[in-house]
PDB file of N, CA and C in Angstrom:
ATOM      1  N   MET A   1      52.211  38.114   0.682  1.00  0.00           N
ATOM      2  CA  MET A   1      51.526  38.104  -0.642  1.00  0.00           C
ATOM      3  C   MET A   1      51.063  36.621  -0.825  1.00  0.00           C
ATOM      4  N   ASN A   2      49.900  36.652  -1.283  1.00  0.00           N
ATOM      5  CA  ASN A   2      49.221  35.384  -1.808  1.00  0.00           C
ATOM      6  C   ASN A   2      49.919  34.826  -3.079  1.00  0.00           C
ATOM      7  N   ARG A   3      49.908  33.534  -3.071  1.00  0.00           N
ATOM      8  CA  ARG A   3      50.427  32.736  -4.294  1.00  0.00           C
ATOM      9  C   ARG A   3      49.379  31.827  -4.554  1.00  0.00           C
ATOM     10  N   PHE A   4      48.955  31.666  -5.836  1.00  0.00           N
ATOM     11  CA  PHE A   4      47.799  30.709  -6.272  1.00  0.00           C
ATOM     12  C   PHE A   4      48.529  29.896  -7.297  1.00  0.00           C
ATOM     13  N   LEU A   5      48.232  28.479  -7.139  1.00  0.00           N
ATOM     14  CA  LEU A   5      48.642  27.579  -8.212  1.00  0.00           C
ATOM     15  C   LEU A   5      47.541  27.418  -9.201  1.00  0.00           C
ATOM     16  N   VAL A   6      47.492  27.573 -10.595  1.00  0.00           N
ATOM     17  CA  VAL A   6      46.466  27.434 -11.580  1.00  0.00           C
ATOM     18  C   VAL A   6      46.916  26.277 -12.279  1.00  0.00           C
ATOM     19  N   ILE A   7      45.834  25.245 -12.309  1.00  0.00           N
ATOM     20  CA  ILE A   7      46.134  23.924 -13.026  1.00  0.00           C
ATOM     21  C   ILE A   7      45.216  24.088 -14.127  1.00  0.00           C
ATOM     22  N   ASP A   8      45.409  24.070 -15.375  1.00  0.00           N
ATOM     23  CA  ASP A   8      44.559  24.091 -16.343  1.00  0.00           C
ATOM     24  C   ASP A   8      45.469  23.659 -17.811  1.00  0.00           C
ATOM     25  N   GLN A   9      44.703  22.840 -18.518  1.00  0.00           N
ATOM     26  CA  GLN A   9      45.157  22.229 -19.624  1.00  0.00           C
ATOM     27  C   GLN A   9      45.109  23.505 -20.747  1.00  0.00           C
ATOM     28  N   ASP A  10      44.387  24.560 -20.576  1.00  0.00           N
ATOM     29  CA  ASP A  10      44.185  25.680 -21.588  1.00  0.00           C
ATOM     30  C   ASP A  10      45.112  26.593 -21.085  1.00  0.00           C
ATOM     31  N   ARG A  11      46.414  26.556 -21.605  1.00  0.00           N
ATOM     32  CA  ARG A  11      47.329  27.524 -21.239  1.00  0.00           C
ATOM     33  C   ARG A  11      47.079  29.002 -21.406  1.00  0.00           C
ATOM     34  N   ALA A  12      46.522  29.219 -22.515  1.00  0.00           N
ATOM     35  CA  ALA A  12      46.094  30.800 -22.569  1.00  0.00           C
ATOM     36  C   ALA A  12      45.051  31.243 -21.559  1.00  0.00           C
ATOM     37  N   ALA A  13      44.111  30.306 -21.271  1.00  0.00           N
ATOM     38  CA  ALA A  13      43.213  30.626 -20.159  1.00  0.00           C
ATOM     39  C   ALA A  13      43.823  30.920 -18.785  1.00  0.00           C
ATOM     40  N   ALA A  14      44.713  30.029 -18.580  1.00  0.00           N
ATOM     41  CA  ALA A  14      45.619  29.933 -17.372  1.00  0.00           C
ATOM     42  C   ALA A  14      46.364  31.455 -17.467  1.00  0.00           C
ATOM     43  N   GLN A  15      46.989  31.723 -18.541  1.00  0.00           N
ATOM     44  CA  GLN A  15      47.826  32.897 -18.350  1.00  0.00           C
ATOM     45  C   GLN A  15      46.902  34.130 -18.223  1.00  0.00           C
ATOM     46  N   ARG A  16      45.726  33.988 -18.870  1.00  0.00           N
ATOM     47  CA  ARG A  16      44.856  35.224 -18.724  1.00  0.00           C
ATOM     48  C   ARG A  16      44.509  35.450 -17.119  1.00  0.00           C
ATOM     49  N   LEU A  17      44.085  34.316 -16.565  1.00  0.00           N
ATOM     50  CA  LEU A  17      43.698  34.407 -15.174  1.00  0.00           C
ATOM     51  C   LEU A  17      44.886  34.878 -14.260  1.00  0.00           C
ATOM     52  N   GLY A  18      46.218  34.291 -14.890  1.00  0.00           N
ATOM     53  CA  GLY A  18      47.316  34.699 -14.068  1.00  0.00           C
ATOM     54  C   GLY A  18      47.522  36.080 -14.155  1.00  0.00           C
ATOM     55  N   LEU A  19      47.541  36.802 -15.452  1.00  0.00           N
ATOM     56  CA  LEU A  19      47.802  38.167 -15.572  1.00  0.00           C
ATOM     57  C   LEU A  19      46.899  39.109 -14.766  1.00  0.00           C
ATOM     58  N   ARG A  20      45.578  38.651 -14.710  1.00  0.00           N
ATOM     59  CA  ARG A  20      44.532  39.491 -13.921  1.00  0.00           C
ATOM     60  C   ARG A  20      44.945  39.287 -12.385  1.00  0.00           C
ATOM     61  N   CYS A  21      45.396  38.106 -12.060  1.00  0.00           N
ATOM     62  CA  CYS A  21      45.899  38.088 -10.566  1.00  0.00           C
ATOM     63  C   CYS A  21      47.117  39.051 -10.390  1.00  0.00           C
ATOM     64  N   LEU A  22      48.106  38.792 -11.242  1.00  0.00           N
ATOM     65  CA  LEU A  22      49.257  39.650 -11.025  1.00  0.00           C
ATOM     66  C   LEU A  22      48.838  41.152 -10.928  1.00  0.00           C
ATOM     67  N   ALA A  23      47.800  41.648 -11.404  1.00  0.00           N
ATOM     68  CA  ALA A  23      47.259  42.940 -11.475  1.00  0.00           C
ATOM     69  C   ALA A  23      46.840  43.345 -10.016  1.00  0.00           C
ATOM     70  N   GLU A  24      46.529  42.332  -9.492  1.00  0.00           N
ATOM     71  CA  GLU A  24      45.968  42.367  -8.066  1.00  0.00           C
ATOM     72  C   GLU A  24      46.841  41.961  -6.881  1.00  0.00           C
ATOM     73  N   ASP A  25      48.272  42.050  -7.426  1.00  0.00           N
ATOM     74  CA  ASP A  25      49.418  41.507  -6.509  1.00  0.00           C
ATOM     75  C   ASP A  25      49.333  40.381  -5.873  1.00  0.00           C
ATOM     76  N   ILE A  26      48.751  39.340  -6.710  1.00  0.00           N
ATOM     77  CA  ILE A  26      48.638  37.847  -6.392  1.00  0.00           C
ATOM     78  C   ILE A  26      49.703  37.212  -7.472  1.00  0.00           C
ATOM     79  N   ALA A  27      50.772  36.302  -6.762  1.00  0.00           N
ATOM     80  CA  ALA A  27      51.738  35.661  -7.613  1.00  0.00           C
ATOM     81  C   ALA A  27      50.867  34.518  -8.028  1.00  0.00           C
ATOM     82  N   VAL A  28      51.275  33.930  -9.244  1.00  0.00           N
ATOM     83  CA  VAL A  28      50.686  32.763  -9.953  1.00  0.00           C
ATOM     84  C   VAL A  28      51.643  31.809 -10.392  1.00  0.00           C
ATOM     85  N   ILE A  29      51.415  30.623 -10.218  1.00  0.00           N
ATOM     86  CA  ILE A  29      52.131  29.514 -10.572  1.00  0.00           C
ATOM     87  C   ILE A  29      51.294  28.802 -11.559  1.00  0.00           C
ATOM     88  N   ILE A  30      51.587  28.348 -12.892  1.00  0.00           N
ATOM     89  CA  ILE A  30      50.762  27.899 -13.777  1.00  0.00           C
ATOM     90  C   ILE A  30      51.244  26.376 -14.019  1.00  0.00           C
ATOM     91  N   ALA A  31      50.431  25.333 -13.933  1.00  0.00           N
ATOM     92  CA  ALA A  31      50.691  24.064 -14.336  1.00  0.00           C
ATOM     93  C   ALA A  31      49.686  23.583 -15.323  1.00  0.00           C
ATOM     94  N   GLU A  32      50.127  22.842 -16.314  1.00  0.00           N
ATOM     95  CA  GLU A  32      49.079  22.238 -17.393  1.00  0.00           C
ATOM     96  C   GLU A  32      48.298  21.030 -16.990  1.00  0.00           C
ATOM     97  N   ASN A  33      48.775  20.258 -15.890  1.00  0.00           N
ATOM     98  CA  ASN A  33      47.995  19.217 -15.480  1.00  0.00           C
ATOM     99  C   ASN A  33      48.300  18.887 -14.059  1.00  0.00           C
ATOM    100  N   VAL A  34      47.683  18.131 -13.336  1.00  0.00           N
ATOM    101  CA  VAL A  34      47.704  17.881 -11.783  1.00  0.00           C
ATOM    102  C   VAL A  34      48.909  17.248 -11.475  1.00  0.00           C
ATOM    103  N   CYS A  35      49.522  16.271 -12.389  1.00  0.00           N
ATOM    104  CA  CYS A  35      50.821  15.829 -12.028  1.00  0.00           C
ATOM    105  C   CYS A  35      51.812  16.825 -11.799  1.00  0.00           C
ATOM    106  N   GLU A  36      51.917  17.800 -12.980  1.00  0.00           N
ATOM    107  CA  GLU A  36      52.848  18.911 -12.771  1.00  0.00           C
ATOM    108  C   GLU A  36      52.551  20.028 -11.593  1.00  0.00           C
ATOM    109  N   GLY A  37      51.388  20.127 -11.285  1.00  0.00           N
ATOM    110  CA  GLY A  37      50.809  20.916 -10.168  1.00  0.00           C
ATOM    111  C   GLY A  37      51.228  20.326  -8.919  1.00  0.00           C
ATOM    112  N   VAL A  38      51.034  19.021  -8.756  1.00  0.00           N
ATOM    113  CA  VAL A  38      51.751  18.357  -7.593  1.00  0.00           C
ATOM    114  C   VAL A  38      53.095  18.578  -7.420  1.00  0.00           C
ATOM    115  N   ARG A  39      53.718  18.219  -8.492  1.00  0.00           N
ATOM    116  CA  ARG A  39      55.461  18.554  -8.572  1.00  0.00           C
ATOM    117  C   ARG A  39      55.664  20.121  -7.953  1.00  0.00           C
ATOM    118  N   ARG A  40      54.978  20.825  -8.467  1.00  0.00           N
ATOM    119  CA  ARG A  40      55.137  22.307  -7.968  1.00  0.00           C
ATOM    120  C   ARG A  40      54.903  22.326  -6.582  1.00  0.00           C
ATOM    121  N   LEU A  41      53.653  21.873  -6.042  1.00  0.00           N
ATOM    122  CA  LEU A  41      53.385  22.058  -4.577  1.00  0.00           C
ATOM    123  C   LEU A  41      54.358  21.380  -3.728  1.00  0.00           C
ATOM    124  N   ALA A  42      55.130  20.502  -4.247  1.00  0.00           N
ATOM    125  CA  ALA A  42      56.299  19.809  -3.507  1.00  0.00           C
ATOM    126  C   ALA A  42      57.344  20.855  -3.029  1.00  0.00           C
ATOM    127  N   THR A  43      57.354  21.813  -3.820  1.00  0.00           N
ATOM    128  CA  THR A  43      58.654  22.819  -3.687  1.00  0.00           C
ATOM    129  C   THR A  43      58.195  24.149  -3.562  1.00  0.00           C
ATOM    130  N   THR A  44      57.004  24.486  -3.665  1.00  0.00           N
ATOM    131  CA  THR A  44      56.503  25.947  -3.460  1.00  0.00           C
ATOM    132  C   THR A  44      55.103  25.898  -2.782  1.00  0.00           C
ATOM    133  N   PRO A  45      55.142  26.702  -1.690  1.00  0.00           N
ATOM    134  CA  PRO A  45      53.979  26.854  -0.869  1.00  0.00           C
ATOM    135  C   PRO A  45      52.998  27.799  -1.681  1.00  0.00           C
ATOM    136  N   VAL A  46      51.674  27.509  -1.611  1.00  0.00           N
ATOM    137  CA  VAL A  46      50.627  28.331  -2.111  1.00  0.00           C
ATOM    138  C   VAL A  46      49.632  28.608  -0.905  1.00  0.00           C
ATOM    139  N   SER A  47      48.680  29.530  -1.317  1.00  0.00           N
ATOM    140  CA  SER A  47      47.579  29.884  -0.428  1.00  0.00           C
ATOM    141  C   SER A  47      46.260  29.411  -0.993  1.00  0.00           C
ATOM    142  N   LEU A  48      46.257  29.009  -2.209  1.00  0.00           N
ATOM    143  CA  LEU A  48      45.130  28.524  -2.988  1.00  0.00           C
ATOM    144  C   LEU A  48      45.362  27.750  -4.047  1.00  0.00           C
ATOM    145  N   ILE A  49      44.791  26.652  -4.397  1.00  0.00           N
ATOM    146  CA  ILE A  49      44.984  25.853  -5.779  1.00  0.00           C
ATOM    147  C   ILE A  49      43.575  25.990  -6.444  1.00  0.00           C
ATOM    148  N   VAL A  50      43.856  26.348  -7.847  1.00  0.00           N
ATOM    149  CA  VAL A  50      42.633  26.409  -8.742  1.00  0.00           C
ATOM    150  C   VAL A  50      42.809  25.506  -9.796  1.00  0.00           C
ATOM    151  N   VAL A  51      41.908  24.606 -10.037  1.00  0.00           N
ATOM    152  CA  VAL A  51      42.051  23.669 -11.042  1.00  0.00           C
ATOM    153  C   VAL A  51      40.715  23.548 -11.912  1.00  0.00           C
ATOM    154  N   ASP A  52      41.116  23.349 -13.116  1.00  0.00           N
ATOM    155  CA  ASP A  52      39.764  23.190 -14.232  1.00  0.00           C
ATOM    156  C   ASP A  52      39.391  22.092 -14.044  1.00  0.00           C
ATOM    157  N   VAL A  53      37.990  21.700 -13.939  1.00  0.00           N
ATOM    158  CA  VAL A  53      37.428  20.320 -13.702  1.00  0.00           C
ATOM    159  C   VAL A  53      37.888  19.403 -14.808  1.00  0.00           C
ATOM    160  N   GLY A  54      38.230  19.843 -16.070  1.00  0.00           N
ATOM    161  CA  GLY A  54      38.665  18.934 -17.084  1.00  0.00           C
ATOM    162  C   GLY A  54      39.950  18.457 -16.771  1.00  0.00           C
ATOM    163  N   GLY A  55      40.927  18.946 -15.926  1.00  0.00           N
ATOM    164  CA  GLY A  55      41.945  18.467 -15.663  1.00  0.00           C
ATOM    165  C   GLY A  55      42.015  17.424 -14.528  1.00  0.00           C
ATOM    166  N   LEU A  56      40.924  16.967 -14.035  1.00  0.00           N
ATOM    167  CA  LEU A  56      40.743  16.027 -12.915  1.00  0.00           C
ATOM    168  C   LEU A  56      40.737  14.772 -13.480  1.00  0.00           C
ATOM    169  N   ARG A  57      41.479  13.962 -12.931  1.00  0.00           N
ATOM    170  CA  ARG A  57      41.557  12.401 -13.616  1.00  0.00           C
ATOM    171  C   ARG A  57      41.054  11.543 -12.519  1.00  0.00           C
ATOM    172  N   LEU A  58      41.032  11.886 -11.243  1.00  0.00           N
ATOM    173  CA  LEU A  58      40.714  10.835 -10.455  1.00  0.00           C
ATOM    174  C   LEU A  58      39.270  11.456  -9.953  1.00  0.00           C
ATOM    175  N   GLY A  59      38.455  10.305  -9.233  1.00  0.00           N
ATOM    176  CA  GLY A  59      37.385  10.711  -8.394  1.00  0.00           C
ATOM    177  C   GLY A  59      37.359  11.811  -7.417  1.00  0.00           C
ATOM    178  N   ALA A  60      36.467  12.396  -7.034  1.00  0.00           N
ATOM    179  CA  ALA A  60      36.404  13.660  -6.448  1.00  0.00           C
ATOM    180  C   ALA A  60      36.941  13.422  -4.988  1.00  0.00           C
ATOM    181  N   ARG A  61      36.570  12.308  -4.360  1.00  0.00           N
ATOM    182  CA  ARG A  61      37.158  12.045  -3.045  1.00  0.00           C
ATOM    183  C   ARG A  61      38.807  11.796  -3.256  1.00  0.00           C
ATOM    184  N   GLU A  62      39.169  10.938  -4.082  1.00  0.00           N
ATOM    185  CA  GLU A  62      40.468  10.677  -4.346  1.00  0.00           C
ATOM    186  C   GLU A  62      41.272  11.935  -4.643  1.00  0.00           C
ATOM    187  N   GLN A  63      40.728  12.671  -5.580  1.00  0.00           N
ATOM    188  CA  GLN A  63      41.464  13.849  -5.861  1.00  0.00           C
ATOM    189  C   GLN A  63      41.757  14.814  -4.770  1.00  0.00           C
ATOM    190  N   ALA A  64      40.562  14.946  -4.044  1.00  0.00           N
ATOM    191  CA  ALA A  64      40.689  15.660  -2.664  1.00  0.00           C
ATOM    192  C   ALA A  64      41.747  15.207  -1.665  1.00  0.00           C
ATOM    193  N   ALA A  65      41.767  13.773  -1.536  1.00  0.00           N
ATOM    194  CA  ALA A  65      42.801  13.346  -0.621  1.00  0.00           C
ATOM    195  C   ALA A  65      44.372  13.556  -1.101  1.00  0.00           C
ATOM    196  N   LEU A  66      44.398  13.554  -2.652  1.00  0.00           N
ATOM    197  CA  LEU A  66      45.786  13.790  -3.088  1.00  0.00           C
ATOM    198  C   LEU A  66      46.034  15.303  -2.741  1.00  0.00           C
ATOM    199  N   PHE A  67      45.284  16.215  -3.182  1.00  0.00           N
ATOM    200  CA  PHE A  67      45.611  17.590  -2.614  1.00  0.00           C
ATOM    201  C   PHE A  67      45.929  17.901  -1.294  1.00  0.00           C
ATOM    202  N   ASP A  68      45.100  17.220  -0.378  1.00  0.00           N
ATOM    203  CA  ASP A  68      45.355  17.273   0.988  1.00  0.00           C
ATOM    204  C   ASP A  68      46.570  16.693   1.638  1.00  0.00           C
ATOM    205  N   ARG A  69      47.037  15.694   0.818  1.00  0.00           N
ATOM    206  CA  ARG A  69      48.314  15.076   1.200  1.00  0.00           C
ATOM    207  C   ARG A  69      49.430  15.883   0.757  1.00  0.00           C
ATOM    208  N   VAL A  70      49.444  16.553  -0.480  1.00  0.00           N
ATOM    209  CA  VAL A  70      50.582  17.408  -0.826  1.00  0.00           C
ATOM    210  C   VAL A  70      50.601  18.713  -0.335  1.00  0.00           C
ATOM    211  N   ALA A  71      49.386  19.251  -0.303  1.00  0.00           N
ATOM    212  CA  ALA A  71      49.235  20.536   0.362  1.00  0.00           C
ATOM    213  C   ALA A  71      48.170  20.640   1.589  1.00  0.00           C
ATOM    214  N   PRO A  72      48.399  20.160   2.721  1.00  0.00           N
ATOM    215  CA  PRO A  72      47.349  20.098   3.896  1.00  0.00           C
ATOM    216  C   PRO A  72      46.858  21.421   4.197  1.00  0.00           C
ATOM    217  N   GLY A  73      45.581  21.587   4.014  1.00  0.00           N
ATOM    218  CA  GLY A  73      44.834  22.743   4.701  1.00  0.00           C
ATOM    219  C   GLY A  73      44.723  23.767   3.534  1.00  0.00           C
ATOM    220  N   VAL A  74      45.246  23.592   2.336  1.00  0.00           N
ATOM    221  CA  VAL A  74      45.212  24.555   1.298  1.00  0.00           C
ATOM    222  C   VAL A  74      43.861  24.451   0.436  1.00  0.00           C
ATOM    223  N   PRO A  75      42.949  25.484   0.581  1.00  0.00           N
ATOM    224  CA  PRO A  75      41.753  25.407  -0.163  1.00  0.00           C
ATOM    225  C   PRO A  75      42.007  25.054  -1.669  1.00  0.00           C
ATOM    226  N   VAL A  76      41.061  24.558  -2.181  1.00  0.00           N
ATOM    227  CA  VAL A  76      41.046  24.213  -3.721  1.00  0.00           C
ATOM    228  C   VAL A  76      39.765  24.584  -4.329  1.00  0.00           C
ATOM    229  N   VAL A  77      39.756  25.234  -5.404  1.00  0.00           N
ATOM    230  CA  VAL A  77      38.879  25.757  -6.151  1.00  0.00           C
ATOM    231  C   VAL A  77      38.787  24.961  -7.519  1.00  0.00           C
ATOM    232  N   VAL A  78      37.580  24.392  -7.825  1.00  0.00           N
ATOM    233  CA  VAL A  78      37.331  23.692  -9.060  1.00  0.00           C
ATOM    234  C   VAL A  78      36.547  24.755  -9.918  1.00  0.00           C
ATOM    235  N   ALA A  79      37.182  24.848 -11.160  1.00  0.00           N
ATOM    236  CA  ALA A  79      36.253  25.941 -11.961  1.00  0.00           C
ATOM    237  C   ALA A  79      35.412  24.741 -13.037  1.00  0.00           C
ATOM    238  N   VAL A  80      34.315  25.218 -13.178  1.00  0.00           N
ATOM    239  CA  VAL A  80      33.647  24.459 -13.946  1.00  0.00           C
ATOM    240  C   VAL A  80      32.775  25.077 -15.164  1.00  0.00           C
ATOM    241  N   ARG A  81      32.624  24.708 -16.110  1.00  0.00           N
ATOM    242  CA  ARG A  81      31.718  25.271 -17.205  1.00  0.00           C
ATOM    243  C   ARG A  81      30.412  25.075 -17.032  1.00  0.00           C
ATOM    244  N   PRO A  82      29.456  25.679 -17.689  1.00  0.00           N
ATOM    245  CA  PRO A  82      28.049  25.762 -17.512  1.00  0.00           C
ATOM    246  C   PRO A  82      27.547  24.271 -17.673  1.00  0.00           C
ATOM    247  N   ASP A  83      28.020  23.561 -18.624  1.00  0.00           N
ATOM    248  CA  ASP A  83      27.606  22.378 -19.029  1.00  0.00           C
ATOM    249  C   ASP A  83      28.163  21.040 -18.346  1.00  0.00           C
ATOM    250  N   VAL A  84      28.856  21.404 -17.231  1.00  0.00           N
ATOM    251  CA  VAL A  84      28.967  20.302 -16.031  1.00  0.00           C
ATOM    252  C   VAL A  84      27.848  19.940 -15.389  1.00  0.00           C
ATOM    253  N   ALA A  85      27.632  18.659 -15.274  1.00  0.00           N
ATOM    254  CA  ALA A  85      26.493  17.976 -14.790  1.00  0.00           C
ATOM    255  C   ALA A  85      26.361  18.362 -13.249  1.00  0.00           C
ATOM    256  N   LEU A  86      25.095  18.630 -12.759  1.00  0.00           N
ATOM    257  CA  LEU A  86      24.889  18.883 -11.351  1.00  0.00           C
ATOM    258  C   LEU A  86      25.592  17.936 -10.480  1.00  0.00           C
ATOM    259  N   GLU A  87      25.312  16.707 -10.830  1.00  0.00           N
ATOM    260  CA  GLU A  87      25.849  15.654 -10.004  1.00  0.00           C
ATOM    261  C   GLU A  87      27.362  15.670  -9.892  1.00  0.00           C
ATOM    262  N   THR A  88      28.143  16.239 -10.797  1.00  0.00           N
ATOM    263  CA  THR A  88      29.405  16.286 -10.618  1.00  0.00           C
ATOM    264  C   THR A  88      30.007  17.449  -9.804  1.00  0.00           C
ATOM    265  N   ARG A  89      29.165  18.414  -9.945  1.00  0.00           N
ATOM    266  CA  ARG A  89      29.345  19.677  -9.106  1.00  0.00           C
ATOM    267  C   ARG A  89      29.141  19.353  -7.681  1.00  0.00           C
ATOM    268  N   VAL A  90      28.018  18.402  -7.279  1.00  0.00           N
ATOM    269  CA  VAL A  90      27.725  18.101  -5.953  1.00  0.00           C
ATOM    270  C   VAL A  90      28.754  17.248  -5.301  1.00  0.00           C
ATOM    271  N   ALA A  91      29.261  16.189  -6.347  1.00  0.00           N
ATOM    272  CA  ALA A  91      30.426  15.399  -5.851  1.00  0.00           C
ATOM    273  C   ALA A  91      31.537  16.315  -5.421  1.00  0.00           C
ATOM    274  N   LEU A  92      31.812  17.144  -6.142  1.00  0.00           N
ATOM    275  CA  LEU A  92      33.094  17.919  -5.862  1.00  0.00           C
ATOM    276  C   LEU A  92      32.877  18.831  -4.487  1.00  0.00           C
ATOM    277  N   GLU A  93      31.779  19.165  -4.447  1.00  0.00           N
ATOM    278  CA  GLU A  93      31.453  20.004  -3.241  1.00  0.00           C
ATOM    279  C   GLU A  93      31.474  19.112  -1.943  1.00  0.00           C
ATOM    280  N   LEU A  94      30.788  18.016  -2.152  1.00  0.00           N
ATOM    281  CA  LEU A  94      30.850  17.067  -1.071  1.00  0.00           C
ATOM    282  C   LEU A  94      32.276  16.617  -0.629  1.00  0.00           C
ATOM    283  N   ALA A  95      33.151  16.502  -1.544  1.00  0.00           N
ATOM    284  CA  ALA A  95      34.593  16.104  -1.331  1.00  0.00           C
ATOM    285  C   ALA A  95      35.429  17.159  -0.741  1.00  0.00           C
ATOM    286  N   GLY A  96      34.743  18.404  -0.669  1.00  0.00           N
ATOM    287  CA  GLY A  96      35.463  19.577   0.032  1.00  0.00           C
ATOM    288  C   GLY A  96      36.041  20.741  -0.958  1.00  0.00           C
ATOM    289  N   PHE A  97      35.681  20.484  -2.181  1.00  0.00           N
ATOM    290  CA  PHE A  97      36.203  21.565  -3.166  1.00  0.00           C
ATOM    291  C   PHE A  97      35.262  22.646  -3.101  1.00  0.00           C
ATOM    292  N   ARG A  98      35.786  23.755  -3.444  1.00  0.00           N
ATOM    293  CA  ARG A  98      34.785  24.925  -3.848  1.00  0.00           C
ATOM    294  C   ARG A  98      34.711  25.025  -5.352  1.00  0.00           C
ATOM    295  N   VAL A  99      33.473  24.896  -5.579  1.00  0.00           N
ATOM    296  CA  VAL A  99      33.153  24.984  -7.075  1.00  0.00           C
ATOM    297  C   VAL A  99      32.743  26.290  -7.442  1.00  0.00           C
ATOM    298  N   LEU A 100      33.329  26.913  -8.546  1.00  0.00           N
ATOM    299  CA  LEU A 100      33.023  28.283  -9.013  1.00  0.00           C
ATOM    300  C   LEU A 100      32.757  28.041 -10.665  1.00  0.00           C
ATOM    301  N   PRO A 101      32.096  28.952 -11.080  1.00  0.00           N
ATOM    302  CA  PRO A 101      31.958  28.901 -12.500  1.00  0.00           C
ATOM    303  C   PRO A 101      33.031  29.460 -13.314  1.00  0.00           C
ATOM    304  N   ASN A 102      33.524  28.945 -14.391  1.00  0.00           N
ATOM    305  CA  ASN A 102      34.510  29.314 -15.266  1.00  0.00           C
ATOM    306  C   ASN A 102      33.952  30.439 -16.417  1.00  0.00           C
ATOM    307  N   PRO A 103      34.543  31.704 -16.526  1.00  0.00           N
ATOM    308  CA  PRO A 103      35.805  31.904 -16.242  1.00  0.00           C
ATOM    309  C   PRO A 103      35.818  32.521 -14.808  1.00  0.00           C
ATOM    310  N   LEU A 104      37.042  32.341 -13.986  1.00  0.00           N
ATOM    311  CA  LEU A 104      37.247  33.075 -12.680  1.00  0.00           C
ATOM    312  C   LEU A 104      37.728  34.359 -12.686  1.00  0.00           C
ATOM    313  N   THR A 105      37.465  35.046 -11.688  1.00  0.00           N
ATOM    314  CA  THR A 105      37.883  36.277 -11.406  1.00  0.00           C
ATOM    315  C   THR A 105      38.815  36.351 -10.195  1.00  0.00           C
ATOM    316  N   PRO A 106      39.933  37.217 -10.118  1.00  0.00           N
ATOM    317  CA  PRO A 106      40.778  37.308  -8.819  1.00  0.00           C
ATOM    318  C   PRO A 106      40.001  37.583  -7.649  1.00  0.00           C
ATOM    319  N   ASP A 107      38.872  38.303  -7.808  1.00  0.00           N
ATOM    320  CA  ASP A 107      38.141  38.720  -6.657  1.00  0.00           C
ATOM    321  C   ASP A 107      37.327  37.468  -6.213  1.00  0.00           C
ATOM    322  N   GLU A 108      36.936  36.676  -7.014  1.00  0.00           N
ATOM    323  CA  GLU A 108      36.106  35.413  -6.552  1.00  0.00           C
ATOM    324  C   GLU A 108      37.282  34.491  -5.780  1.00  0.00           C
ATOM    325  N   LEU A 109      38.614  34.584  -6.333  1.00  0.00           N
ATOM    326  CA  LEU A 109      39.385  33.718  -5.600  1.00  0.00           C
ATOM    327  C   LEU A 109      39.879  34.224  -4.252  1.00  0.00           C
ATOM    328  N   LEU A 110      40.062  35.455  -4.275  1.00  0.00           N
ATOM    329  CA  LEU A 110      40.235  36.061  -2.813  1.00  0.00           C
ATOM    330  C   LEU A 110      39.250  35.901  -1.908  1.00  0.00           C
ATOM    331  N   LYS A 111      37.974  36.032  -2.278  1.00  0.00           N
ATOM    332  CA  LYS A 111      36.866  35.808  -1.359  1.00  0.00           C
ATOM    333  C   LYS A 111      36.851  34.400  -1.024  1.00  0.00           C
ATOM    334  N   THR A 112      37.164  33.324  -1.787  1.00  0.00           N
ATOM    335  CA  THR A 112      37.355  31.972  -1.449  1.00  0.00           C
ATOM    336  C   THR A 112      38.274  31.899  -0.304  1.00  0.00           C
ATOM    337  N   LEU A 113      39.473  32.476  -0.626  1.00  0.00           N
ATOM    338  CA  LEU A 113      40.661  32.555   0.518  1.00  0.00           C
ATOM    339  C   LEU A 113      40.279  32.969   1.653  1.00  0.00           C
ATOM    340  N   VAL A 114      39.572  34.062   1.745  1.00  0.00           N
ATOM    341  CA  VAL A 114      39.140  34.703   2.837  1.00  0.00           C
ATOM    342  C   VAL A 114      38.103  33.942   3.704  1.00  0.00           C
ATOM    343  N   SER A 115      37.260  33.638   2.900  1.00  0.00           N
ATOM    344  CA  SER A 115      36.064  32.528   3.489  1.00  0.00           C
ATOM    345  C   SER A 115      36.712  31.299   4.202  1.00  0.00           C
ATOM    346  N   THR A 116      37.713  30.846   3.666  1.00  0.00           N
ATOM    347  CA  THR A 116      38.303  29.722   4.307  1.00  0.00           C
ATOM    348  C   THR A 116      39.156  29.894   5.575  1.00  0.00           C
ATOM    349  N   GLU A 117      39.592  31.066   5.630  1.00  0.00           N
ATOM    350  CA  GLU A 117      40.383  31.441   6.729  1.00  0.00           C
ATOM    351  C   GLU A 117      39.457  31.785   8.091  1.00  0.00           C
ATOM    352  N   VAL A 118      38.289  31.968   7.763  1.00  0.00           N
ATOM    353  CA  VAL A 118      37.392  32.223   9.067  1.00  0.00           C
ATOM    354  C   VAL A 118      37.319  31.048  10.006  1.00  0.00           C
TER     355      VAL A 118
END
């Protein structure tokens, strides 16, 4: 079974995504910020990390290095709103993140997971 870590300050949005994922037999762990997410990663293996761009506090490369250190090889999806600048999106992609528009769907996340396994 797949298990996703969803990091989002908007608890209601994270819970909505979590419920949609559970309907697709995907286990979900919810964290309200990156620090809480990192603590969860230290004790629980996940197959995908999903984080809202608003929760990122470090630069794109530093954030990628942090996730790679605590969860090596686990793909990270950054959810962005339409108003996020193109430069920010490009920086995230160059750092190795998969950037997807918010709101996310379980199907999009599963496709991301499958595409990283190839």
